[in-house]
Amino acid sequence: RPGGRIVMYGASSGDDLTVPIRSVFF
């Protein structure tokens, strides 16, 4: 939801991650 929080932990599959950044900003 807008204003929501995503908590990330671990990196067992590696450090590379692609984030659709506009989906975070707006």
mmCIF file of all heavy atoms, coordinates in Angstrom:
data_MODEL
# 
_entry.id   MODEL 
# 
loop_
_atom_site.group_PDB 
_atom_site.id 
_atom_site.type_symbol 
_atom_site.label_atom_id 
_atom_site.label_alt_id 
_atom_site.label_comp_id 
_atom_site.label_asym_id 
_atom_site.label_entity_id 
_atom_site.label_seq_id 
_atom_site.pdbx_PDB_ins_code 
_atom_site.Cartn_x 
_atom_site.Cartn_y 
_atom_site.Cartn_z 
_atom_site.occupancy 
_atom_site.B_iso_or_equiv 
_atom_site.pdbx_formal_charge 
_atom_site.auth_seq_id 
_atom_site.auth_comp_id 
_atom_site.auth_asym_id 
_atom_site.auth_atom_id 
_atom_site.pdbx_PDB_model_num 
ATOM 1   N N   . ARG A 1 1  ? 0.838  -1.198  0.000   1.00 0.00 ? 1  ARG A N   1 
ATOM 2   C CA  . ARG A 1 1  ? 0.000  0.000   0.000   1.00 0.00 ? 1  ARG A CA  1 
ATOM 3   C C   . ARG A 1 1  ? 0.874  1.250   0.000   1.00 0.00 ? 1  ARG A C   1 
ATOM 4   O O   . ARG A 1 1  ? 2.018  1.208   0.438   1.00 0.00 ? 1  ARG A O   1 
ATOM 5   C CB  . ARG A 1 1  ? -0.927 0.008   1.203   1.00 0.00 ? 1  ARG A CB  1 
ATOM 6   C CG  . ARG A 1 1  ? -0.197 0.200   2.516   1.00 0.00 ? 1  ARG A CG  1 
ATOM 7   C CD  . ARG A 1 1  ? -1.170 0.361   3.674   1.00 0.00 ? 1  ARG A CD  1 
ATOM 8   N NE  . ARG A 1 1  ? -0.487 0.339   4.938   1.00 0.00 ? 1  ARG A NE  1 
ATOM 9   C CZ  . ARG A 1 1  ? 0.178  1.379   5.459   1.00 0.00 ? 1  ARG A CZ  1 
ATOM 10  N NH1 . ARG A 1 1  ? 0.250  2.506   4.810   1.00 0.00 ? 1  ARG A NH1 1 
ATOM 11  N NH2 . ARG A 1 1  ? 0.790  1.270   6.618   1.00 0.00 ? 1  ARG A NH2 1 
ATOM 12  N N   . PRO A 1 2  ? 0.344  2.368   -0.459  1.00 0.00 ? 2  PRO A N   1 
ATOM 13  C CA  . PRO A 1 2  ? 1.103  3.613   -0.382  1.00 0.00 ? 2  PRO A CA  1 
ATOM 14  C C   . PRO A 1 2  ? 1.486  3.894   1.071   1.00 0.00 ? 2  PRO A C   1 
ATOM 15  O O   . PRO A 1 2  ? 0.688  3.700   1.986   1.00 0.00 ? 2  PRO A O   1 
ATOM 16  C CB  . PRO A 1 2  ? 0.125  4.666   -0.910  1.00 0.00 ? 2  PRO A CB  1 
ATOM 17  C CG  . PRO A 1 2  ? -0.776 3.889   -1.824  1.00 0.00 ? 2  PRO A CG  1 
ATOM 18  C CD  . PRO A 1 2  ? -0.931 2.535   -1.166  1.00 0.00 ? 2  PRO A CD  1 
ATOM 19  N N   . GLY A 1 3  ? 2.731  4.326   1.272   1.00 0.00 ? 3  GLY A N   1 
ATOM 20  C CA  . GLY A 1 3  ? 3.215  4.599   2.615   1.00 0.00 ? 3  GLY A CA  1 
ATOM 21  C C   . GLY A 1 3  ? 3.636  3.354   3.368   1.00 0.00 ? 3  GLY A C   1 
ATOM 22  O O   . GLY A 1 3  ? 4.000  3.418   4.536   1.00 0.00 ? 3  GLY A O   1 
ATOM 23  N N   . GLY A 1 4  ? 3.584  2.191   2.709   1.00 0.00 ? 4  GLY A N   1 
ATOM 24  C CA  . GLY A 1 4  ? 3.926  0.926   3.350   1.00 0.00 ? 4  GLY A CA  1 
ATOM 25  C C   . GLY A 1 4  ? 5.424  0.759   3.541   1.00 0.00 ? 4  GLY A C   1 
ATOM 26  O O   . GLY A 1 4  ? 6.226  1.592   3.117   1.00 0.00 ? 4  GLY A O   1 
ATOM 27  N N   . ARG A 1 5  ? 5.784  -0.332  4.190   1.00 0.00 ? 5  ARG A N   1 
ATOM 28  C CA  . ARG A 1 5  ? 7.170  -0.606  4.539   1.00 0.00 ? 5  ARG A CA  1 
ATOM 29  C C   . ARG A 1 5  ? 7.551  -1.992  4.049   1.00 0.00 ? 5  ARG A C   1 
ATOM 30  O O   . ARG A 1 5  ? 6.823  -2.946  4.273   1.00 0.00 ? 5  ARG A O   1 
ATOM 31  C CB  . ARG A 1 5  ? 7.259  -0.605  6.062   1.00 0.00 ? 5  ARG A CB  1 
ATOM 32  C CG  . ARG A 1 5  ? 8.480  -0.004  6.610   1.00 0.00 ? 5  ARG A CG  1 
ATOM 33  C CD  . ARG A 1 5  ? 8.442  -0.040  8.124   1.00 0.00 ? 5  ARG A CD  1 
ATOM 34  N NE  . ARG A 1 5  ? 7.433  0.875   8.632   1.00 0.00 ? 5  ARG A NE  1 
ATOM 35  C CZ  . ARG A 1 5  ? 7.001  0.885   9.863   1.00 0.00 ? 5  ARG A CZ  1 
ATOM 36  N NH1 . ARG A 1 5  ? 7.453  0.031   10.737  1.00 0.00 ? 5  ARG A NH1 1 
ATOM 37  N NH2 . ARG A 1 5  ? 6.103  1.744   10.247  1.00 0.00 ? 5  ARG A NH2 1 
ATOM 38  N N   . ILE A 1 6  ? 8.692  -2.123  3.419   1.00 0.00 ? 6  ILE A N   1 
ATOM 39  C CA  . ILE A 1 6  ? 9.240  -3.410  3.021   1.00 0.00 ? 6  ILE A CA  1 
ATOM 40  C C   . ILE A 1 6  ? 10.516 -3.617  3.820   1.00 0.00 ? 6  ILE A C   1 
ATOM 41  O O   . ILE A 1 6  ? 11.421 -2.784  3.767   1.00 0.00 ? 6  ILE A O   1 
ATOM 42  C CB  . ILE A 1 6  ? 9.546  -3.474  1.507   1.00 0.00 ? 6  ILE A CB  1 
ATOM 43  C CG1 . ILE A 1 6  ? 8.266  -3.285  0.697   1.00 0.00 ? 6  ILE A CG1 1 
ATOM 44  C CG2 . ILE A 1 6  ? 10.234 -4.789  1.153   1.00 0.00 ? 6  ILE A CG2 1 
ATOM 45  C CD1 . ILE A 1 6  ? 8.495  -3.150  -0.792  1.00 0.00 ? 6  ILE A CD1 1 
ATOM 46  N N   . VAL A 1 7  ? 10.567 -4.694  4.590   1.00 0.00 ? 7  VAL A N   1 
ATOM 47  C CA  . VAL A 1 7  ? 11.755 -5.006  5.376   1.00 0.00 ? 7  VAL A CA  1 
ATOM 48  C C   . VAL A 1 7  ? 12.464 -6.148  4.685   1.00 0.00 ? 7  VAL A C   1 
ATOM 49  O O   . VAL A 1 7  ? 11.881 -7.195  4.424   1.00 0.00 ? 7  VAL A O   1 
ATOM 50  C CB  . VAL A 1 7  ? 11.395 -5.397  6.827   1.00 0.00 ? 7  VAL A CB  1 
ATOM 51  C CG1 . VAL A 1 7  ? 12.650 -5.740  7.620   1.00 0.00 ? 7  VAL A CG1 1 
ATOM 52  C CG2 . VAL A 1 7  ? 10.615 -4.268  7.495   1.00 0.00 ? 7  VAL A CG2 1 
ATOM 53  N N   . MET A 1 8  ? 13.750 -5.923  4.374   1.00 0.00 ? 8  MET A N   1 
ATOM 54  C CA  . MET A 1 8  ? 14.533 -6.920  3.652   1.00 0.00 ? 8  MET A CA  1 
ATOM 55  C C   . MET A 1 8  ? 15.585 -7.483  4.586   1.00 0.00 ? 8  MET A C   1 
ATOM 56  O O   . MET A 1 8  ? 16.155 -6.752  5.393   1.00 0.00 ? 8  MET A O   1 
ATOM 57  C CB  . MET A 1 8  ? 15.219 -6.275  2.454   1.00 0.00 ? 8  MET A CB  1 
ATOM 58  C CG  . MET A 1 8  ? 14.245 -5.666  1.469   1.00 0.00 ? 8  MET A CG  1 
ATOM 59  S SD  . MET A 1 8  ? 15.084 -4.688  0.221   1.00 0.00 ? 8  MET A SD  1 
ATOM 60  C CE  . MET A 1 8  ? 15.614 -3.290  1.183   1.00 0.00 ? 8  MET A CE  1 
ATOM 61  N N   . TYR A 1 9  ? 15.828 -8.772  4.460   1.00 0.00 ? 9  TYR A N   1 
ATOM 62  C CA  . TYR A 1 9  ? 16.885 -9.387  5.258   1.00 0.00 ? 9  TYR A CA  1 
ATOM 63  C C   . TYR A 1 9  ? 17.563 -10.460 4.433   1.00 0.00 ? 9  TYR A C   1 
ATOM 64  O O   . TYR A 1 9  ? 16.982 -11.001 3.508   1.00 0.00 ? 9  TYR A O   1 
ATOM 65  C CB  . TYR A 1 9  ? 16.336 -9.970  6.560   1.00 0.00 ? 9  TYR A CB  1 
ATOM 66  C CG  . TYR A 1 9  ? 15.323 -11.068 6.370   1.00 0.00 ? 9  TYR A CG  1 
ATOM 67  C CD1 . TYR A 1 9  ? 15.723 -12.393 6.317   1.00 0.00 ? 9  TYR A CD1 1 
ATOM 68  C CD2 . TYR A 1 9  ? 13.981 -10.780 6.216   1.00 0.00 ? 9  TYR A CD2 1 
ATOM 69  C CE1 . TYR A 1 9  ? 14.806 -13.411 6.127   1.00 0.00 ? 9  TYR A CE1 1 
ATOM 70  C CE2 . TYR A 1 9  ? 13.058 -11.784 6.034   1.00 0.00 ? 9  TYR A CE2 1 
ATOM 71  C CZ  . TYR A 1 9  ? 13.474 -13.092 5.997   1.00 0.00 ? 9  TYR A CZ  1 
ATOM 72  O OH  . TYR A 1 9  ? 12.558 -14.089 5.814   1.00 0.00 ? 9  TYR A OH  1 
ATOM 73  N N   . GLY A 1 10 ? 18.798 -10.719 4.785   1.00 0.00 ? 10 GLY A N   1 
ATOM 74  C CA  . GLY A 1 10 ? 19.545 -11.779 4.108   1.00 0.00 ? 10 GLY A CA  1 
ATOM 75  C C   . GLY A 1 10 ? 19.919 -11.418 2.693   1.00 0.00 ? 10 GLY A C   1 
ATOM 76  O O   . GLY A 1 10 ? 19.365 -10.519 2.087   1.00 0.00 ? 10 GLY A O   1 
ATOM 77  N N   . ALA A 1 11 ? 20.887 -12.099 2.203   1.00 0.00 ? 11 ALA A N   1 
ATOM 78  C CA  . ALA A 1 11 ? 21.305 -11.952 0.808   1.00 0.00 ? 11 ALA A CA  1 
ATOM 79  C C   . ALA A 1 11 ? 21.876 -13.288 0.364   1.00 0.00 ? 11 ALA A C   1 
ATOM 80  O O   . ALA A 1 11 ? 22.912 -13.363 -0.271  1.00 0.00 ? 11 ALA A O   1 
ATOM 81  C CB  . ALA A 1 11 ? 22.324 -10.837 0.662   1.00 0.00 ? 11 ALA A CB  1 
ATOM 82  N N   . SER A 1 12 ? 21.185 -14.350 0.713   1.00 0.00 ? 12 SER A N   1 
ATOM 83  C CA  . SER A 1 12 ? 21.709 -15.685 0.445   1.00 0.00 ? 12 SER A CA  1 
ATOM 84  C C   . SER A 1 12 ? 21.803 -16.003 -1.038  1.00 0.00 ? 12 SER A C   1 
ATOM 85  O O   . SER A 1 12 ? 22.538 -16.892 -1.433  1.00 0.00 ? 12 SER A O   1 
ATOM 86  C CB  . SER A 1 12 ? 20.863 -16.744 1.161   1.00 0.00 ? 12 SER A CB  1 
ATOM 87  O OG  . SER A 1 12 ? 19.516 -16.638 0.766   1.00 0.00 ? 12 SER A OG  1 
ATOM 88  N N   . SER A 1 13 ? 21.061 -15.268 -1.859  1.00 0.00 ? 13 SER A N   1 
ATOM 89  C CA  . SER A 1 13 ? 21.146 -15.523 -3.296  1.00 0.00 ? 13 SER A CA  1 
ATOM 90  C C   . SER A 1 13 ? 22.035 -14.509 -4.005  1.00 0.00 ? 13 SER A C   1 
ATOM 91  O O   . SER A 1 13 ? 22.097 -14.492 -5.218  1.00 0.00 ? 13 SER A O   1 
ATOM 92  C CB  . SER A 1 13 ? 19.742 -15.524 -3.910  1.00 0.00 ? 13 SER A CB  1 
ATOM 93  O OG  . SER A 1 13 ? 19.157 -14.253 -3.761  1.00 0.00 ? 13 SER A OG  1 
ATOM 94  N N   . GLY A 1 14 ? 22.708 -13.642 -3.257  1.00 0.00 ? 14 GLY A N   1 
ATOM 95  C CA  . GLY A 1 14 ? 23.602 -12.657 -3.856  1.00 0.00 ? 14 GLY A CA  1 
ATOM 96  C C   . GLY A 1 14 ? 23.170 -11.244 -3.544  1.00 0.00 ? 14 GLY A C   1 
ATOM 97  O O   . GLY A 1 14 ? 22.130 -11.010 -2.938  1.00 0.00 ? 14 GLY A O   1 
ATOM 98  N N   . ASP A 1 15 ? 23.992 -10.298 -3.973  1.00 0.00 ? 15 ASP A N   1 
ATOM 99  C CA  . ASP A 1 15 ? 23.741 -8.895  -3.655  1.00 0.00 ? 15 ASP A CA  1 
ATOM 100 C C   . ASP A 1 15 ? 22.979 -8.145  -4.735  1.00 0.00 ? 15 ASP A C   1 
ATOM 101 O O   . ASP A 1 15 ? 22.509 -7.045  -4.506  1.00 0.00 ? 15 ASP A O   1 
ATOM 102 C CB  . ASP A 1 15 ? 25.074 -8.175  -3.415  1.00 0.00 ? 15 ASP A CB  1 
ATOM 103 C CG  . ASP A 1 15 ? 25.741 -8.657  -2.128  1.00 0.00 ? 15 ASP A CG  1 
ATOM 104 O OD1 . ASP A 1 15 ? 25.017 -9.029  -1.202  1.00 0.00 ? 15 ASP A OD1 1 
ATOM 105 O OD2 . ASP A 1 15 ? 26.978 -8.652  -2.083  1.00 0.00 ? 15 ASP A OD2 1 
ATOM 106 N N   . ASP A 1 16 ? 22.899 -8.679  -5.938  1.00 0.00 ? 16 ASP A N   1 
ATOM 107 C CA  . ASP A 1 16 ? 22.268 -7.953  -7.037  1.00 0.00 ? 16 ASP A CA  1 
ATOM 108 C C   . ASP A 1 16 ? 20.757 -7.981  -6.908  1.00 0.00 ? 16 ASP A C   1 
ATOM 109 O O   . ASP A 1 16 ? 20.142 -9.030  -6.729  1.00 0.00 ? 16 ASP A O   1 
ATOM 110 C CB  . ASP A 1 16 ? 22.683 -8.551  -8.377  1.00 0.00 ? 16 ASP A CB  1 
ATOM 111 C CG  . ASP A 1 16 ? 24.173 -8.385  -8.636  1.00 0.00 ? 16 ASP A CG  1 
ATOM 112 O OD1 . ASP A 1 16 ? 24.753 -7.419  -8.119  1.00 0.00 ? 16 ASP A OD1 1 
ATOM 113 O OD2 . ASP A 1 16 ? 24.746 -9.222  -9.348  1.00 0.00 ? 16 ASP A OD2 1 
ATOM 114 N N   . LEU A 1 17 ? 20.158 -6.799  -7.029  1.00 0.00 ? 17 LEU A N   1 
ATOM 115 C CA  . LEU A 1 17 ? 18.714 -6.660  -6.906  1.00 0.00 ? 17 LEU A CA  1 
ATOM 116 C C   . LEU A 1 17 ? 18.268 -5.542  -7.832  1.00 0.00 ? 17 LEU A C   1 
ATOM 117 O O   . LEU A 1 17 ? 18.884 -4.474  -7.870  1.00 0.00 ? 17 LEU A O   1 
ATOM 118 C CB  . LEU A 1 17 ? 18.341 -6.318  -5.460  1.00 0.00 ? 17 LEU A CB  1 
ATOM 119 C CG  . LEU A 1 17 ? 16.888 -6.044  -5.152  1.00 0.00 ? 17 LEU A CG  1 
ATOM 120 C CD1 . LEU A 1 17 ? 16.063 -7.316  -5.345  1.00 0.00 ? 17 LEU A CD1 1 
ATOM 121 C CD2 . LEU A 1 17 ? 16.748 -5.543  -3.735  1.00 0.00 ? 17 LEU A CD2 1 
ATOM 122 N N   . THR A 1 18 ? 17.200 -5.760  -8.578  1.00 0.00 ? 18 THR A N   1 
ATOM 123 C CA  . THR A 1 18 ? 16.639 -4.735  -9.438  1.00 0.00 ? 18 THR A CA  1 
ATOM 124 C C   . THR A 1 18 ? 15.341 -4.254  -8.812  1.00 0.00 ? 18 THR A C   1 
ATOM 125 O O   . THR A 1 18 ? 14.461 -5.054  -8.508  1.00 0.00 ? 18 THR A O   1 
ATOM 126 C CB  . THR A 1 18 ? 16.356 -5.306  -10.842 1.00 0.00 ? 18 THR A CB  1 
ATOM 127 O OG1 . THR A 1 18 ? 17.579 -5.812  -11.377 1.00 0.00 ? 18 THR A OG1 1 
ATOM 128 C CG2 . THR A 1 18 ? 15.801 -4.240  -11.759 1.00 0.00 ? 18 THR A CG2 1 
ATOM 129 N N   . VAL A 1 19 ? 15.262 -2.947  -8.593  1.00 0.00 ? 19 VAL A N   1 
ATOM 130 C CA  . VAL A 1 19 ? 14.074 -2.357  -7.974  1.00 0.00 ? 19 VAL A CA  1 
ATOM 131 C C   . VAL A 1 19 ? 13.488 -1.336  -8.941  1.00 0.00 ? 19 VAL A C   1 
ATOM 132 O O   . VAL A 1 19 ? 14.203 -0.423  -9.378  1.00 0.00 ? 19 VAL A O   1 
ATOM 133 C CB  . VAL A 1 19 ? 14.434 -1.650  -6.645  1.00 0.00 ? 19 VAL A CB  1 
ATOM 134 C CG1 . VAL A 1 19 ? 13.224 -0.959  -6.060  1.00 0.00 ? 19 VAL A CG1 1 
ATOM 135 C CG2 . VAL A 1 19 ? 15.030 -2.639  -5.665  1.00 0.00 ? 19 VAL A CG2 1 
ATOM 136 N N   . PRO A 1 20 ? 12.203 -1.465  -9.283  1.00 0.00 ? 20 PRO A N   1 
ATOM 137 C CA  . PRO A 1 20 ? 11.566 -0.430  -10.110 1.00 0.00 ? 20 PRO A CA  1 
ATOM 138 C C   . PRO A 1 20 ? 11.389 0.827   -9.252  1.00 0.00 ? 20 PRO A C   1 
ATOM 139 O O   . PRO A 1 20 ? 10.410 0.969   -8.519  1.00 0.00 ? 20 PRO A O   1 
ATOM 140 C CB  . PRO A 1 20 ? 10.238 -1.062  -10.523 1.00 0.00 ? 20 PRO A CB  1 
ATOM 141 C CG  . PRO A 1 20 ? 9.964  -2.083  -9.463  1.00 0.00 ? 20 PRO A CG  1 
ATOM 142 C CD  . PRO A 1 20 ? 11.293 -2.533  -8.936  1.00 0.00 ? 20 PRO A CD  1 
ATOM 143 N N   . ILE A 1 21 ? 12.339 1.728   -9.296  1.00 0.00 ? 21 ILE A N   1 
ATOM 144 C CA  . ILE A 1 21 ? 12.462 2.809   -8.334  1.00 0.00 ? 21 ILE A CA  1 
ATOM 145 C C   . ILE A 1 21 ? 11.261 3.750   -8.307  1.00 0.00 ? 21 ILE A C   1 
ATOM 146 O O   . ILE A 1 21 ? 10.897 4.268   -7.255  1.00 0.00 ? 21 ILE A O   1 
ATOM 147 C CB  . ILE A 1 21 ? 13.806 3.568   -8.548  1.00 0.00 ? 21 ILE A CB  1 
ATOM 148 C CG1 . ILE A 1 21 ? 14.237 4.250   -7.260  1.00 0.00 ? 21 ILE A CG1 1 
ATOM 149 C CG2 . ILE A 1 21 ? 13.734 4.524   -9.704  1.00 0.00 ? 21 ILE A CG2 1 
ATOM 150 C CD1 . ILE A 1 21 ? 14.646 3.300   -6.187  1.00 0.00 ? 21 ILE A CD1 1 
ATOM 151 N N   . ARG A 1 22 ? 10.586 3.968   -9.428  1.00 0.00 ? 22 ARG A N   1 
ATOM 152 C CA  . ARG A 1 22 ? 9.384  4.818   -9.412  1.00 0.00 ? 22 ARG A CA  1 
ATOM 153 C C   . ARG A 1 22 ? 8.291  4.211   -8.549  1.00 0.00 ? 22 ARG A C   1 
ATOM 154 O O   . ARG A 1 22 ? 7.488  4.925   -7.970  1.00 0.00 ? 22 ARG A O   1 
ATOM 155 C CB  . ARG A 1 22 ? 8.871  5.049   -10.832 1.00 0.00 ? 22 ARG A CB  1 
ATOM 156 C CG  . ARG A 1 22 ? 9.673  6.071   -11.582 1.00 0.00 ? 22 ARG A CG  1 
ATOM 157 C CD  . ARG A 1 22 ? 9.004  6.431   -12.911 1.00 0.00 ? 22 ARG A CD  1 
ATOM 158 N NE  . ARG A 1 22 ? 10.068 6.724   -13.856 1.00 0.00 ? 22 ARG A NE  1 
ATOM 159 C CZ  . ARG A 1 22 ? 10.354 6.019   -14.933 1.00 0.00 ? 22 ARG A CZ  1 
ATOM 160 N NH1 . ARG A 1 22 ? 9.630  4.995   -15.259 1.00 0.00 ? 22 ARG A NH1 1 
ATOM 161 N NH2 . ARG A 1 22 ? 11.349 6.364   -15.705 1.00 0.00 ? 22 ARG A NH2 1 
ATOM 162 N N   . SER A 1 23 ? 8.289  2.877   -8.456  1.00 0.00 ? 23 SER A N   1 
ATOM 163 C CA  . SER A 1 23 ? 7.296  2.197   -7.619  1.00 0.00 ? 23 SER A CA  1 
ATOM 164 C C   . SER A 1 23 ? 7.547  2.444   -6.136  1.00 0.00 ? 23 SER A C   1 
ATOM 165 O O   . SER A 1 23 ? 6.684  2.182   -5.316  1.00 0.00 ? 23 SER A O   1 
ATOM 166 C CB  . SER A 1 23 ? 7.329  0.690   -7.885  1.00 0.00 ? 23 SER A CB  1 
ATOM 167 O OG  . SER A 1 23 ? 7.007  0.426   -9.221  1.00 0.00 ? 23 SER A OG  1 
ATOM 168 N N   . VAL A 1 24 ? 8.734  2.921   -5.801  1.00 0.00 ? 24 VAL A N   1 
ATOM 169 C CA  . VAL A 1 24 ? 9.065  3.261   -4.416  1.00 0.00 ? 24 VAL A CA  1 
ATOM 170 C C   . VAL A 1 24 ? 8.806  4.742   -4.156  1.00 0.00 ? 24 VAL A C   1 
ATOM 171 O O   . VAL A 1 24 ? 8.255  5.118   -3.127  1.00 0.00 ? 24 VAL A O   1 
ATOM 172 C CB  . VAL A 1 24 ? 10.544 2.911   -4.115  1.00 0.00 ? 24 VAL A CB  1 
ATOM 173 C CG1 . VAL A 1 24 ? 10.950 3.390   -2.734  1.00 0.00 ? 24 VAL A CG1 1 
ATOM 174 C CG2 . VAL A 1 24 ? 10.775 1.411   -4.258  1.00 0.00 ? 24 VAL A CG2 1 
ATOM 175 N N   . PHE A 1 25 ? 9.194  5.610   -5.108  1.00 0.00 ? 25 PHE A N   1 
ATOM 176 C CA  . PHE A 1 25 ? 9.077  7.054   -4.921  1.00 0.00 ? 25 PHE A CA  1 
ATOM 177 C C   . PHE A 1 25 ? 7.634  7.535   -4.831  1.00 0.00 ? 25 PHE A C   1 
ATOM 178 O O   . PHE A 1 25 ? 7.262  8.181   -3.855  1.00 0.00 ? 25 PHE A O   1 
ATOM 179 C CB  . PHE A 1 25 ? 9.751  7.816   -6.068  1.00 0.00 ? 25 PHE A CB  1 
ATOM 180 C CG  . PHE A 1 25 ? 11.249 7.772   -6.059  1.00 0.00 ? 25 PHE A CG  1 
ATOM 181 C CD1 . PHE A 1 25 ? 11.954 7.912   -7.230  1.00 0.00 ? 25 PHE A CD1 1 
ATOM 182 C CD2 . PHE A 1 25 ? 11.963 7.597   -4.889  1.00 0.00 ? 25 PHE A CD2 1 
ATOM 183 C CE1 . PHE A 1 25 ? 13.342 7.882   -7.241  1.00 0.00 ? 25 PHE A CE1 1 
ATOM 184 C CE2 . PHE A 1 25 ? 13.345 7.566   -4.876  1.00 0.00 ? 25 PHE A CE2 1 
ATOM 185 C CZ  . PHE A 1 25 ? 14.031 7.707   -6.061  1.00 0.00 ? 25 PHE A CZ  1 
ATOM 186 N N   . PHE A 1 26 ? 6.854  7.259   -5.853  1.00 0.00 ? 26 PHE A N   1 
ATOM 187 C CA  . PHE A 1 26 ? 5.529  7.860   -5.928  1.00 0.00 ? 26 PHE A CA  1 
ATOM 188 C C   . PHE A 1 26 ? 4.595  7.441   -4.790  1.00 0.00 ? 26 PHE A C   1 
ATOM 189 O O   . PHE A 1 26 ? 3.917  8.286   -4.227  1.00 0.00 ? 26 PHE A O   1 
ATOM 190 C CB  . PHE A 1 26 ? 4.891  7.615   -7.302  1.00 0.00 ? 26 PHE A CB  1 
ATOM 191 C CG  . PHE A 1 26 ? 5.610  8.346   -8.399  1.00 0.00 ? 26 PHE A CG  1 
ATOM 192 C CD1 . PHE A 1 26 ? 6.173  7.666   -9.458  1.00 0.00 ? 26 PHE A CD1 1 
ATOM 193 C CD2 . PHE A 1 26 ? 5.763  9.725   -8.355  1.00 0.00 ? 26 PHE A CD2 1 
ATOM 194 C CE1 . PHE A 1 26 ? 6.854  8.330   -10.467 1.00 0.00 ? 26 PHE A CE1 1 
ATOM 195 C CE2 . PHE A 1 26 ? 6.446  10.411  -9.355  1.00 0.00 ? 26 PHE A CE2 1 
ATOM 196 C CZ  . PHE A 1 26 ? 6.987  9.711   -10.416 1.00 0.00 ? 26 PHE A CZ  1 
# 
